[in-house]
Amino acid sequence: MLAKQAAEDWYLGLRGKLHAGILKTEKTFKEAAAQFLREYEIITEGHGIRLRVHLLPFFGELGVSEITGGKVQDYRVHRMSSRGIVNPHSKSNRPVSDKAPAGKTLHNEIVMLRQVLRTAVSHGWLSHLPDISSPYRASGKIEHRPWFSPAEYKQLYKAAGFYAKEALHAHFAWNAQQVHDYVLFMANTGLRPDEASNLEHRDVEIVIDDETGQQILEIEVRGKRGVGFCKSMPNAVRPYERLLNRPKPVQAESRGAAQQRRRAGIEEAPEVPVAELPKPTGKVFPGNHVKLFDGVLARAELKLDRDGKARTAYSLRHTYIRLRLMEGADVYAVARN
């Protein structure tokens, strides 16, 4: 008898929720978020706080199909209007700020929301992703990444070449020559600095280009996009040949080591090892030339572009792209390379 009454109460409760529109017959956002975190726990480490503090309190009990563009716009308004109010879901000890969340912060939260909805779609809980883009999106500020104009690029590699010639000590000369060839190599291949750091001589081959009949480099690139291949401009060949045929100077016995040897009663100095050419498994650019490259930029007065932005080794990649486009190269071909 008690079981029958409990069942009737449960059924009537469900009927009441159904008529009130609060009975969920689909997965909720909270369930989709939990599934998303389970599947992508490693790559979302540190980002779950956005769900816990902001997204789940607002969307958690909604069915995934109830999250529409209008509802997401309500969330944006909510986030912008709740400044200065203590968030009960936050565990932060920082004082409450009266500033509205930065555009980047809100953008990251919407990206996280979209990822959760994408998880719901992949599991068949949602038929398609709703359009949750901002309906009143302002045109963003256009920012140009620092690069070298043709005249500035010529000024840079001439300054690097002059620095390589004037270095007196053999070790300093080797580093300066490496930087000079680094500038030419990077501006004629478009590699990222991290890809150049990973590059080994066995990854580079000098070939004849079928289209132009000129010598170019075919490079097996390993970087943040995985493994790919690129073809260089012909002007990358000569710098690479110098890199391939430049032995790194070996360190002779230091003054301190010589003194220790003599105190030990050994008069004869050890033989200086013979400098060897780079091996196929050796790095094309061993060591870190950032300081020397920055020094060349400073000498040539090219560290800052005309907008006051600091140039780095990455600016050589943007220079490669700009110069190819200025020569009339196909945008798709440059992007693919």
C-alpha atoms as a PDB file:
ATOM      1  CA  MET A   1       0.000   0.000   0.000  1.00  0.00           C
ATOM      2  CA  LEU A   2       2.810   2.443   0.887  1.00  0.00           C
ATOM      3  CA  ALA A   3       4.653   1.552  -2.332  1.00  0.00           C
ATOM      4  CA  LYS A   4       1.525   2.256  -4.394  1.00  0.00           C
ATOM      5  CA  GLN A   5       1.018   5.633  -2.710  1.00  0.00           C
ATOM      6  CA  ALA A   6       4.697   6.556  -3.268  1.00  0.00           C
ATOM      7  CA  ALA A   7       4.410   5.626  -6.931  1.00  0.00           C
ATOM      8  CA  GLU A   8       1.259   7.756  -7.317  1.00  0.00           C
ATOM      9  CA  ASP A   9       2.943  10.716  -5.617  1.00  0.00           C
ATOM     10  CA  TRP A  10       5.970  10.354  -7.919  1.00  0.00           C
ATOM     11  CA  TYR A  11       3.730  10.138 -11.004  1.00  0.00           C
ATOM     12  CA  LEU A  12       1.652  13.153  -9.990  1.00  0.00           C
ATOM     13  CA  GLY A  13       4.841  15.075  -9.298  1.00  0.00           C
ATOM     14  CA  LEU A  14       6.087  14.324 -12.809  1.00  0.00           C
ATOM     15  CA  ARG A  15       2.721  15.390 -14.287  1.00  0.00           C
ATOM     16  CA  GLY A  16       2.917  18.633 -12.387  1.00  0.00           C
ATOM     17  CA  LYS A  17       6.458  19.325 -13.617  1.00  0.00           C
ATOM     18  CA  LEU A  18       5.403  18.480 -17.181  1.00  0.00           C
ATOM     19  CA  HIS A  19       2.502  20.959 -17.094  1.00  0.00           C
ATOM     20  CA  ALA A  20       4.749  23.583 -15.481  1.00  0.00           C
ATOM     21  CA  GLY A  21       7.354  23.082 -18.212  1.00  0.00           C
ATOM     22  CA  ILE A  22      10.133  22.135 -15.794  1.00  0.00           C
ATOM     23  CA  LEU A  23      10.321  18.408 -16.539  1.00  0.00           C
ATOM     24  CA  LYS A  24      13.509  17.694 -18.463  1.00  0.00           C
ATOM     25  CA  THR A  25      13.205  14.892 -21.012  1.00  0.00           C
ATOM     26  CA  GLU A  26      16.641  15.612 -22.452  1.00  0.00           C
ATOM     27  CA  LYS A  27      20.184  15.970 -21.227  1.00  0.00           C
ATOM     28  CA  THR A  28      20.892  19.162 -19.345  1.00  0.00           C
ATOM     29  CA  PHE A  29      23.810  21.488 -19.902  1.00  0.00           C
ATOM     30  CA  LYS A  30      25.234  20.303 -16.578  1.00  0.00           C
ATOM     31  CA  GLU A  31      25.313  16.697 -17.809  1.00  0.00           C
ATOM     32  CA  ALA A  32      26.876  17.710 -21.126  1.00  0.00           C
ATOM     33  CA  ALA A  33      29.500  19.746 -19.256  1.00  0.00           C
ATOM     34  CA  ALA A  34      30.358  16.763 -17.042  1.00  0.00           C
ATOM     35  CA  GLN A  35      30.756  14.578 -20.139  1.00  0.00           C
ATOM     36  CA  PHE A  36      32.947  17.216 -21.796  1.00  0.00           C
ATOM     37  CA  LEU A  37      35.258  17.389 -18.779  1.00  0.00           C
ATOM     38  CA  ARG A  38      35.516  13.602 -18.619  1.00  0.00           C
ATOM     39  CA  GLU A  39      36.504  13.323 -22.272  1.00  0.00           C
ATOM     40  CA  TYR A  40      38.868  16.297 -22.367  1.00  0.00           C
ATOM     41  CA  GLU A  41      40.160  16.408 -18.811  1.00  0.00           C
ATOM     42  CA  ILE A  42      43.807  16.782 -19.864  1.00  0.00           C
ATOM     43  CA  ILE A  43      43.438  19.534 -22.458  1.00  0.00           C
ATOM     44  CA  THR A  44      40.910  21.468 -20.376  1.00  0.00           C
ATOM     45  CA  GLU A  45      42.962  21.441 -17.179  1.00  0.00           C
ATOM     46  CA  GLY A  46      42.524  24.842 -15.553  1.00  0.00           C
ATOM     47  CA  HIS A  47      39.565  25.780 -17.766  1.00  0.00           C
ATOM     48  CA  GLY A  48      36.918  23.916 -15.730  1.00  0.00           C
ATOM     49  CA  ILE A  49      36.774  26.952 -13.455  1.00  0.00           C
ATOM     50  CA  ARG A  50      34.908  28.841 -16.205  1.00  0.00           C
ATOM     51  CA  LEU A  51      32.248  26.164 -16.155  1.00  0.00           C
ATOM     52  CA  ARG A  52      31.967  25.983 -12.377  1.00  0.00           C
ATOM     53  CA  VAL A  53      31.994  29.709 -11.626  1.00  0.00           C
ATOM     54  CA  HIS A  54      30.082  31.220 -14.547  1.00  0.00           C
ATOM     55  CA  LEU A  55      28.537  28.853 -17.092  1.00  0.00           C
ATOM     56  CA  LEU A  56      27.021  26.135 -14.907  1.00  0.00           C
ATOM     57  CA  PRO A  57      25.181  28.516 -12.534  1.00  0.00           C
ATOM     58  CA  PHE A  58      23.509  30.164 -15.535  1.00  0.00           C
ATOM     59  CA  PHE A  59      22.959  27.257 -17.963  1.00  0.00           C
ATOM     60  CA  GLY A  60      23.304  24.172 -15.743  1.00  0.00           C
ATOM     61  CA  GLU A  61      19.641  23.189 -15.363  1.00  0.00           C
ATOM     62  CA  LEU A  62      18.643  24.034 -18.937  1.00  0.00           C
ATOM     63  CA  GLY A  63      18.181  21.293 -21.486  1.00  0.00           C
ATOM     64  CA  VAL A  64      20.805  21.469 -24.188  1.00  0.00           C
ATOM     65  CA  SER A  65      18.167  22.371 -26.807  1.00  0.00           C
ATOM     66  CA  GLU A  66      17.085  25.346 -24.690  1.00  0.00           C
ATOM     67  CA  ILE A  67      20.441  27.052 -25.132  1.00  0.00           C
ATOM     68  CA  THR A  68      19.735  29.372 -28.024  1.00  0.00           C
ATOM     69  CA  GLY A  69      21.405  32.464 -29.393  1.00  0.00           C
ATOM     70  CA  GLY A  70      18.975  34.590 -27.380  1.00  0.00           C
ATOM     71  CA  LYS A  71      19.786  32.739 -24.160  1.00  0.00           C
ATOM     72  CA  VAL A  72      23.511  33.190 -24.754  1.00  0.00           C
ATOM     73  CA  GLN A  73      22.946  36.893 -25.341  1.00  0.00           C
ATOM     74  CA  ASP A  74      21.134  36.990 -21.967  1.00  0.00           C
ATOM     75  CA  TYR A  75      24.282  35.443 -20.494  1.00  0.00           C
ATOM     76  CA  ARG A  76      26.441  38.171 -21.988  1.00  0.00           C
ATOM     77  CA  VAL A  77      24.174  40.828 -20.508  1.00  0.00           C
ATOM     78  CA  HIS A  78      24.227  39.002 -17.164  1.00  0.00           C
ATOM     79  CA  ARG A  79      28.031  38.917 -17.116  1.00  0.00           C
ATOM     80  CA  MET A  80      28.345  42.569 -18.016  1.00  0.00           C
ATOM     81  CA  SER A  81      25.760  43.684 -15.431  1.00  0.00           C
ATOM     82  CA  SER A  82      26.963  41.545 -12.501  1.00  0.00           C
ATOM     83  CA  ARG A  83      30.203  43.459 -11.947  1.00  0.00           C
ATOM     84  CA  GLY A  84      30.849  44.496  -8.385  1.00  0.00           C
ATOM     85  CA  ILE A  85      28.644  41.650  -7.086  1.00  0.00           C
ATOM     86  CA  VAL A  86      30.175  38.754  -5.142  1.00  0.00           C
ATOM     87  CA  ASN A  87      29.935  35.505  -7.101  1.00  0.00           C
ATOM     88  CA  PRO A  88      28.902  32.798  -4.605  1.00  0.00           C
ATOM     89  CA  HIS A  89      30.401  30.107  -6.831  1.00  0.00           C
ATOM     90  CA  SER A  90      33.881  31.629  -6.836  1.00  0.00           C
ATOM     91  CA  LYS A  91      36.512  30.499  -4.351  1.00  0.00           C
ATOM     92  CA  SER A  92      38.794  33.453  -5.066  1.00  0.00           C
ATOM     93  CA  ASN A  93      40.011  35.622  -2.185  1.00  0.00           C
ATOM     94  CA  ARG A  94      40.551  38.634  -4.414  1.00  0.00           C
ATOM     95  CA  PRO A  95      38.506  41.757  -3.735  1.00  0.00           C
ATOM     96  CA  VAL A  96      35.417  42.126  -5.920  1.00  0.00           C
ATOM     97  CA  SER A  97      36.127  44.229  -9.006  1.00  0.00           C
ATOM     98  CA  ASP A  98      33.729  46.812 -10.364  1.00  0.00           C
ATOM     99  CA  LYS A  99      35.132  46.336 -13.855  1.00  0.00           C
ATOM    100  CA  ALA A 100      33.198  44.469 -16.515  1.00  0.00           C
ATOM    101  CA  PRO A 101      34.895  41.269 -17.747  1.00  0.00           C
ATOM    102  CA  ALA A 102      37.344  41.844 -20.577  1.00  0.00           C
ATOM    103  CA  GLY A 103      36.210  40.993 -24.078  1.00  0.00           C
ATOM    104  CA  LYS A 104      38.779  38.188 -24.239  1.00  0.00           C
ATOM    105  CA  THR A 105      37.447  36.704 -20.973  1.00  0.00           C
ATOM    106  CA  LEU A 106      33.874  36.667 -22.250  1.00  0.00           C
ATOM    107  CA  HIS A 107      35.030  35.259 -25.583  1.00  0.00           C
ATOM    108  CA  ASN A 108      36.810  32.377 -23.829  1.00  0.00           C
ATOM    109  CA  GLU A 109      33.679  31.575 -21.834  1.00  0.00           C
ATOM    110  CA  ILE A 110      31.565  31.433 -25.004  1.00  0.00           C
ATOM    111  CA  VAL A 111      34.199  29.187 -26.617  1.00  0.00           C
ATOM    112  CA  MET A 112      33.938  26.842 -23.624  1.00  0.00           C
ATOM    113  CA  LEU A 113      30.129  26.904 -23.915  1.00  0.00           C
ATOM    114  CA  ARG A 114      30.388  26.004 -27.600  1.00  0.00           C
ATOM    115  CA  GLN A 115      32.722  23.093 -26.806  1.00  0.00           C
ATOM    116  CA  VAL A 116      30.226  21.657 -24.329  1.00  0.00           C
ATOM    117  CA  LEU A 117      27.402  21.958 -26.879  1.00  0.00           C
ATOM    118  CA  ARG A 118      29.654  20.291 -29.464  1.00  0.00           C
ATOM    119  CA  THR A 119      30.075  17.371 -27.047  1.00  0.00           C
ATOM    120  CA  ALA A 120      26.278  17.145 -26.791  1.00  0.00           C
ATOM    121  CA  VAL A 121      26.028  17.022 -30.604  1.00  0.00           C
ATOM    122  CA  SER A 122      28.665  14.286 -30.854  1.00  0.00           C
ATOM    123  CA  HIS A 123      26.664  12.120 -28.423  1.00  0.00           C
ATOM    124  CA  GLY A 124      23.363  12.708 -30.209  1.00  0.00           C
ATOM    125  CA  TRP A 125      21.865  14.772 -27.383  1.00  0.00           C
ATOM    126  CA  LEU A 126      21.576  17.813 -29.633  1.00  0.00           C
ATOM    127  CA  SER A 127      20.815  17.830 -33.361  1.00  0.00           C
ATOM    128  CA  HIS A 128      23.024  20.785 -34.289  1.00  0.00           C
ATOM    129  CA  LEU A 129      25.023  23.655 -32.820  1.00  0.00           C
ATOM    130  CA  PRO A 130      22.977  26.815 -32.354  1.00  0.00           C
ATOM    131  CA  ASP A 131      24.265  30.152 -33.615  1.00  0.00           C
ATOM    132  CA  ILE A 132      25.640  31.733 -30.455  1.00  0.00           C
ATOM    133  CA  SER A 133      27.749  34.439 -32.093  1.00  0.00           C
ATOM    134  CA  SER A 134      27.267  37.964 -30.816  1.00  0.00           C
ATOM    135  CA  PRO A 135      24.497  39.706 -32.799  1.00  0.00           C
ATOM    136  CA  TYR A 136      26.051  43.135 -32.306  1.00  0.00           C
ATOM    137  CA  ARG A 137      29.660  42.338 -32.918  1.00  0.00           C
ATOM    138  CA  ALA A 138      31.766  45.463 -33.226  1.00  0.00           C
ATOM    139  CA  SER A 139      34.567  45.503 -35.752  1.00  0.00           C
ATOM    140  CA  GLY A 140      37.744  44.645 -33.907  1.00  0.00           C
ATOM    141  CA  LYS A 141      40.852  46.715 -33.944  1.00  0.00           C
ATOM    142  CA  ILE A 142      43.109  45.706 -36.824  1.00  0.00           C
ATOM    143  CA  GLU A 143      46.614  44.917 -35.626  1.00  0.00           C
ATOM    144  CA  HIS A 144      49.554  44.266 -37.911  1.00  0.00           C
ATOM    145  CA  ARG A 145      52.295  41.965 -36.761  1.00  0.00           C
ATOM    146  CA  PRO A 146      55.804  43.422 -36.925  1.00  0.00           C
ATOM    147  CA  TRP A 147      57.719  42.666 -40.135  1.00  0.00           C
ATOM    148  CA  PHE A 148      60.528  44.128 -42.235  1.00  0.00           C
ATOM    149  CA  SER A 149      59.819  46.055 -45.410  1.00  0.00           C
ATOM    150  CA  PRO A 150      62.078  45.173 -48.378  1.00  0.00           C
ATOM    151  CA  ALA A 151      64.373  48.114 -47.562  1.00  0.00           C
ATOM    152  CA  GLU A 152      64.448  47.236 -43.839  1.00  0.00           C
ATOM    153  CA  TYR A 153      65.124  43.574 -44.578  1.00  0.00           C
ATOM    154  CA  LYS A 154      68.084  44.547 -46.768  1.00  0.00           C
ATOM    155  CA  GLN A 155      69.320  46.823 -43.987  1.00  0.00           C
ATOM    156  CA  LEU A 156      69.002  43.960 -41.489  1.00  0.00           C
ATOM    157  CA  TYR A 157      70.936  41.308 -43.396  1.00  0.00           C
ATOM    158  CA  LYS A 158      73.651  43.809 -44.312  1.00  0.00           C
ATOM    159  CA  ALA A 159      74.011  44.741 -40.628  1.00  0.00           C
ATOM    160  CA  ALA A 160      74.187  41.039 -39.700  1.00  0.00           C
ATOM    161  CA  GLY A 161      76.821  40.460 -42.402  1.00  0.00           C
ATOM    162  CA  PHE A 162      78.933  43.399 -41.212  1.00  0.00           C
ATOM    163  CA  TYR A 163      78.730  42.103 -37.627  1.00  0.00           C
ATOM    164  CA  ALA A 164      79.911  38.665 -38.818  1.00  0.00           C
ATOM    165  CA  LYS A 165      82.949  40.157 -40.554  1.00  0.00           C
ATOM    166  CA  GLU A 166      84.102  42.389 -37.704  1.00  0.00           C
ATOM    167  CA  ALA A 167      84.010  39.737 -34.941  1.00  0.00           C
ATOM    168  CA  LEU A 168      87.592  38.987 -33.891  1.00  0.00           C
ATOM    169  CA  HIS A 169      87.393  35.914 -31.656  1.00  0.00           C
ATOM    170  CA  ALA A 170      86.718  32.648 -33.545  1.00  0.00           C
ATOM    171  CA  HIS A 171      83.825  31.652 -31.300  1.00  0.00           C
ATOM    172  CA  PHE A 172      82.192  35.088 -31.579  1.00  0.00           C
ATOM    173  CA  ALA A 173      82.731  35.040 -35.337  1.00  0.00           C
ATOM    174  CA  TRP A 174      80.992  31.652 -35.624  1.00  0.00           C
ATOM    175  CA  ASN A 175      77.959  32.901 -33.697  1.00  0.00           C
ATOM    176  CA  ALA A 176      77.782  36.104 -35.736  1.00  0.00           C
ATOM    177  CA  GLN A 177      78.007  34.157 -39.003  1.00  0.00           C
ATOM    178  CA  GLN A 178      75.253  31.829 -37.798  1.00  0.00           C
ATOM    179  CA  VAL A 179      72.990  34.793 -37.043  1.00  0.00           C
ATOM    180  CA  HIS A 180      73.644  36.291 -40.487  1.00  0.00           C
ATOM    181  CA  ASP A 181      72.635  33.027 -42.180  1.00  0.00           C
ATOM    182  CA  TYR A 182      69.718  32.627 -39.751  1.00  0.00           C
ATOM    183  CA  VAL A 183      68.252  35.925 -40.964  1.00  0.00           C
ATOM    184  CA  LEU A 184      68.570  34.924 -44.625  1.00  0.00           C
ATOM    185  CA  PHE A 185      67.357  31.359 -44.056  1.00  0.00           C
ATOM    186  CA  MET A 186      64.276  32.348 -42.051  1.00  0.00           C
ATOM    187  CA  ALA A 187      63.195  35.140 -44.403  1.00  0.00           C
ATOM    188  CA  ASN A 188      63.419  32.754 -47.368  1.00  0.00           C
ATOM    189  CA  THR A 189      61.679  29.737 -45.815  1.00  0.00           C
ATOM    190  CA  GLY A 190      58.970  31.224 -43.582  1.00  0.00           C
ATOM    191  CA  LEU A 191      59.696  28.781 -40.759  1.00  0.00           C
ATOM    192  CA  ARG A 192      58.602  29.565 -37.231  1.00  0.00           C
ATOM    193  CA  PRO A 193      61.434  30.029 -34.699  1.00  0.00           C
ATOM    194  CA  ASP A 194      60.500  26.808 -32.874  1.00  0.00           C
ATOM    195  CA  GLU A 195      60.504  24.895 -36.166  1.00  0.00           C
ATOM    196  CA  ALA A 196      63.973  26.234 -36.972  1.00  0.00           C
ATOM    197  CA  SER A 197      65.173  25.190 -33.489  1.00  0.00           C
ATOM    198  CA  ASN A 198      63.974  21.615 -34.121  1.00  0.00           C
ATOM    199  CA  LEU A 199      65.453  21.453 -37.622  1.00  0.00           C
ATOM    200  CA  GLU A 200      68.235  18.926 -38.239  1.00  0.00           C
ATOM    201  CA  HIS A 201      70.438  18.705 -41.328  1.00  0.00           C
ATOM    202  CA  ARG A 202      68.839  15.401 -42.313  1.00  0.00           C
ATOM    203  CA  ASP A 203      65.534  17.280 -42.600  1.00  0.00           C
ATOM    204  CA  VAL A 204      66.875  19.559 -45.350  1.00  0.00           C
ATOM    205  CA  GLU A 205      67.640  18.616 -48.956  1.00  0.00           C
ATOM    206  CA  ILE A 206      68.899  20.780 -51.819  1.00  0.00           C
ATOM    207  CA  VAL A 207      66.851  19.969 -54.937  1.00  0.00           C
ATOM    208  CA  ILE A 208      66.008  21.402 -58.351  1.00  0.00           C
ATOM    209  CA  ASP A 209      62.520  22.898 -58.441  1.00  0.00           C
ATOM    210  CA  ASP A 210      60.444  21.369 -61.248  1.00  0.00           C
ATOM    211  CA  GLU A 211      58.576  24.603 -61.929  1.00  0.00           C
ATOM    212  CA  THR A 212      61.461  27.088 -62.016  1.00  0.00           C
ATOM    213  CA  GLY A 213      64.521  24.906 -62.643  1.00  0.00           C
ATOM    214  CA  GLN A 214      66.279  26.674 -59.739  1.00  0.00           C
ATOM    215  CA  GLN A 215      67.912  25.161 -56.685  1.00  0.00           C
ATOM    216  CA  ILE A 216      65.710  25.305 -53.603  1.00  0.00           C
ATOM    217  CA  LEU A 217      65.484  23.585 -50.220  1.00  0.00           C
ATOM    218  CA  GLU A 218      62.914  20.910 -49.477  1.00  0.00           C
ATOM    219  CA  ILE A 219      62.436  20.903 -45.701  1.00  0.00           C
ATOM    220  CA  GLU A 220      60.716  18.379 -43.450  1.00  0.00           C
ATOM    221  CA  VAL A 221      59.313  20.650 -40.767  1.00  0.00           C
ATOM    222  CA  ARG A 222      58.552  19.570 -37.215  1.00  0.00           C
ATOM    223  CA  GLY A 223      56.674  22.098 -35.116  1.00  0.00           C
ATOM    224  CA  LYS A 224      53.409  22.918 -33.378  1.00  0.00           C
ATOM    225  CA  ARG A 225      51.413  21.808 -36.452  1.00  0.00           C
ATOM    226  CA  GLY A 226      53.023  18.368 -36.476  1.00  0.00           C
ATOM    227  CA  VAL A 227      55.212  17.233 -39.387  1.00  0.00           C
ATOM    228  CA  GLY A 228      54.937  18.913 -42.773  1.00  0.00           C
ATOM    229  CA  PHE A 229      56.980  19.875 -45.801  1.00  0.00           C
ATOM    230  CA  CYS A 230      57.889  23.218 -47.286  1.00  0.00           C
ATOM    231  CA  LYS A 231      59.829  24.529 -50.239  1.00  0.00           C
ATOM    232  CA  SER A 232      62.165  27.453 -49.759  1.00  0.00           C
ATOM    233  CA  MET A 233      62.935  30.384 -51.987  1.00  0.00           C
ATOM    234  CA  PRO A 234      66.159  30.019 -54.036  1.00  0.00           C
ATOM    235  CA  ASN A 235      67.905  32.595 -51.825  1.00  0.00           C
ATOM    236  CA  ALA A 236      67.809  30.123 -48.907  1.00  0.00           C
ATOM    237  CA  VAL A 237      70.201  27.697 -50.619  1.00  0.00           C
ATOM    238  CA  ARG A 238      73.461  29.653 -50.257  1.00  0.00           C
ATOM    239  CA  PRO A 239      72.979  30.430 -46.521  1.00  0.00           C
ATOM    240  CA  TYR A 240      72.164  26.764 -45.882  1.00  0.00           C
ATOM    241  CA  GLU A 241      75.285  25.606 -47.717  1.00  0.00           C
ATOM    242  CA  ARG A 242      77.335  27.858 -45.451  1.00  0.00           C
ATOM    243  CA  LEU A 243      75.586  26.429 -42.382  1.00  0.00           C
ATOM    244  CA  LEU A 244      76.238  22.894 -43.648  1.00  0.00           C
ATOM    245  CA  ASN A 245      79.953  23.542 -44.224  1.00  0.00           C
ATOM    246  CA  ARG A 246      80.728  25.634 -41.140  1.00  0.00           C
ATOM    247  CA  PRO A 247      82.464  23.661 -38.366  1.00  0.00           C
ATOM    248  CA  LYS A 248      81.714  24.835 -34.868  1.00  0.00           C
ATOM    249  CA  PRO A 249      84.923  26.030 -33.151  1.00  0.00           C
ATOM    250  CA  VAL A 250      86.081  23.779 -30.330  1.00  0.00           C
ATOM    251  CA  GLN A 251      86.936  25.098 -26.901  1.00  0.00           C
ATOM    252  CA  ALA A 252      90.662  25.088 -26.173  1.00  0.00           C
ATOM    253  CA  GLU A 253      92.004  24.619 -22.645  1.00  0.00           C
ATOM    254  CA  SER A 254      90.950  27.506 -20.434  1.00  0.00           C
ATOM    255  CA  ARG A 255      93.399  29.442 -18.266  1.00  0.00           C
ATOM    256  CA  GLY A 256      91.881  27.973 -15.094  1.00  0.00           C
ATOM    257  CA  ALA A 257      92.168  24.415 -16.425  1.00  0.00           C
ATOM    258  CA  ALA A 258      95.819  25.038 -17.411  1.00  0.00           C
ATOM    259  CA  GLN A 259      96.645  26.258 -13.900  1.00  0.00           C
ATOM    260  CA  GLN A 260      95.022  23.202 -12.327  1.00  0.00           C
ATOM    261  CA  ARG A 261      96.972  20.936 -14.705  1.00  0.00           C
ATOM    262  CA  ARG A 262     100.291  22.559 -13.784  1.00  0.00           C
ATOM    263  CA  ARG A 263      99.525  22.337 -10.058  1.00  0.00           C
ATOM    264  CA  ALA A 264      98.949  18.648 -10.602  1.00  0.00           C
ATOM    265  CA  GLY A 265     102.456  18.401 -12.104  1.00  0.00           C
ATOM    266  CA  ILE A 266     101.327  17.855 -15.689  1.00  0.00           C
ATOM    267  CA  GLU A 267     103.269  20.074 -18.055  1.00  0.00           C
ATOM    268  CA  GLU A 268     101.994  18.871 -21.409  1.00  0.00           C
ATOM    269  CA  ALA A 269      98.731  20.500 -22.510  1.00  0.00           C
ATOM    270  CA  PRO A 270      96.008  18.255 -23.940  1.00  0.00           C
ATOM    271  CA  GLU A 271      95.514  18.218 -27.669  1.00  0.00           C
ATOM    272  CA  VAL A 272      92.870  20.570 -28.985  1.00  0.00           C
ATOM    273  CA  PRO A 273      90.078  18.508 -30.588  1.00  0.00           C
ATOM    274  CA  VAL A 274      89.613  18.954 -34.316  1.00  0.00           C
ATOM    275  CA  ALA A 275      86.589  20.972 -35.322  1.00  0.00           C
ATOM    276  CA  GLU A 276      84.067  18.791 -37.133  1.00  0.00           C
ATOM    277  CA  LEU A 277      81.454  19.639 -39.733  1.00  0.00           C
ATOM    278  CA  PRO A 278      77.802  19.304 -38.686  1.00  0.00           C
ATOM    279  CA  LYS A 279      76.443  15.759 -38.728  1.00  0.00           C
ATOM    280  CA  PRO A 280      73.130  14.790 -40.391  1.00  0.00           C
ATOM    281  CA  THR A 281      71.565  14.471 -36.949  1.00  0.00           C
ATOM    282  CA  GLY A 282      73.008  17.801 -35.813  1.00  0.00           C
ATOM    283  CA  LYS A 283      70.871  20.898 -35.434  1.00  0.00           C
ATOM    284  CA  VAL A 284      70.929  23.416 -38.260  1.00  0.00           C
ATOM    285  CA  PHE A 285      70.902  26.155 -35.614  1.00  0.00           C
ATOM    286  CA  PRO A 286      72.524  24.768 -32.454  1.00  0.00           C
ATOM    287  CA  GLY A 287      72.336  27.037 -29.444  1.00  0.00           C
ATOM    288  CA  ASN A 288      70.255  30.123 -28.901  1.00  0.00           C
ATOM    289  CA  HIS A 289      70.967  33.223 -30.978  1.00  0.00           C
ATOM    290  CA  VAL A 290      68.193  35.412 -29.555  1.00  0.00           C
ATOM    291  CA  LYS A 291      70.538  37.856 -27.782  1.00  0.00           C
ATOM    292  CA  LEU A 292      72.802  38.201 -30.810  1.00  0.00           C
ATOM    293  CA  PHE A 293      69.797  38.686 -33.108  1.00  0.00           C
ATOM    294  CA  ASP A 294      68.414  41.356 -30.774  1.00  0.00           C
ATOM    295  CA  GLY A 295      71.850  42.960 -30.783  1.00  0.00           C
ATOM    296  CA  VAL A 296      71.822  43.156 -34.586  1.00  0.00           C
ATOM    297  CA  LEU A 297      68.334  44.680 -34.479  1.00  0.00           C
ATOM    298  CA  ALA A 298      69.529  47.275 -31.985  1.00  0.00           C
ATOM    299  CA  ARG A 299      72.621  48.136 -34.040  1.00  0.00           C
ATOM    300  CA  ALA A 300      70.566  48.556 -37.188  1.00  0.00           C
ATOM    301  CA  GLU A 301      67.913  50.531 -35.234  1.00  0.00           C
ATOM    302  CA  LEU A 302      65.255  48.067 -36.371  1.00  0.00           C
ATOM    303  CA  LYS A 303      64.060  46.709 -33.018  1.00  0.00           C
ATOM    304  CA  LEU A 304      60.789  48.656 -33.166  1.00  0.00           C
ATOM    305  CA  ASP A 305      58.532  48.996 -36.169  1.00  0.00           C
ATOM    306  CA  ARG A 306      56.855  52.278 -37.083  1.00  0.00           C
ATOM    307  CA  ASP A 307      53.974  51.509 -34.673  1.00  0.00           C
ATOM    308  CA  GLY A 308      56.372  50.992 -31.759  1.00  0.00           C
ATOM    309  CA  LYS A 309      55.975  47.192 -31.683  1.00  0.00           C
ATOM    310  CA  ALA A 310      59.045  45.124 -30.891  1.00  0.00           C
ATOM    311  CA  ARG A 311      60.348  42.909 -33.660  1.00  0.00           C
ATOM    312  CA  THR A 312      61.498  39.362 -32.875  1.00  0.00           C
ATOM    313  CA  ALA A 313      62.698  36.345 -34.849  1.00  0.00           C
ATOM    314  CA  TYR A 314      59.024  35.652 -35.611  1.00  0.00           C
ATOM    315  CA  SER A 315      59.000  38.895 -37.631  1.00  0.00           C
ATOM    316  CA  LEU A 316      61.151  37.124 -40.232  1.00  0.00           C
ATOM    317  CA  ARG A 317      58.263  34.710 -40.877  1.00  0.00           C
ATOM    318  CA  HIS A 318      55.851  37.608 -41.406  1.00  0.00           C
ATOM    319  CA  THR A 319      58.440  39.212 -43.671  1.00  0.00           C
ATOM    320  CA  TYR A 320      58.577  36.037 -45.776  1.00  0.00           C
ATOM    321  CA  ILE A 321      54.776  36.056 -46.117  1.00  0.00           C
ATOM    322  CA  ARG A 322      54.571  39.760 -46.949  1.00  0.00           C
ATOM    323  CA  LEU A 323      57.359  39.610 -49.529  1.00  0.00           C
ATOM    324  CA  ARG A 324      55.836  36.586 -51.270  1.00  0.00           C
ATOM    325  CA  LEU A 325      52.442  38.294 -51.480  1.00  0.00           C
ATOM    326  CA  MET A 326      54.039  41.503 -52.741  1.00  0.00           C
ATOM    327  CA  GLU A 327      55.656  39.441 -55.509  1.00  0.00           C
ATOM    328  CA  GLY A 328      52.206  38.256 -56.577  1.00  0.00           C
ATOM    329  CA  ALA A 329      52.280  34.766 -55.062  1.00  0.00           C
ATOM    330  CA  ASP A 330      48.974  32.965 -54.602  1.00  0.00           C
ATOM    331  CA  VAL A 331      47.648  33.370 -51.051  1.00  0.00           C
ATOM    332  CA  TYR A 332      46.625  29.711 -50.850  1.00  0.00           C
ATOM    333  CA  ALA A 333      50.054  28.562 -52.041  1.00  0.00           C
ATOM    334  CA  VAL A 334      51.815  30.667 -49.400  1.00  0.00           C
ATOM    335  CA  ALA A 335      49.473  29.402 -46.658  1.00  0.00           C
ATOM    336  CA  ARG A 336      49.921  25.786 -47.733  1.00  0.00           C
ATOM    337  CA  ASN A 337      53.711  26.129 -47.785  1.00  0.00           C
END
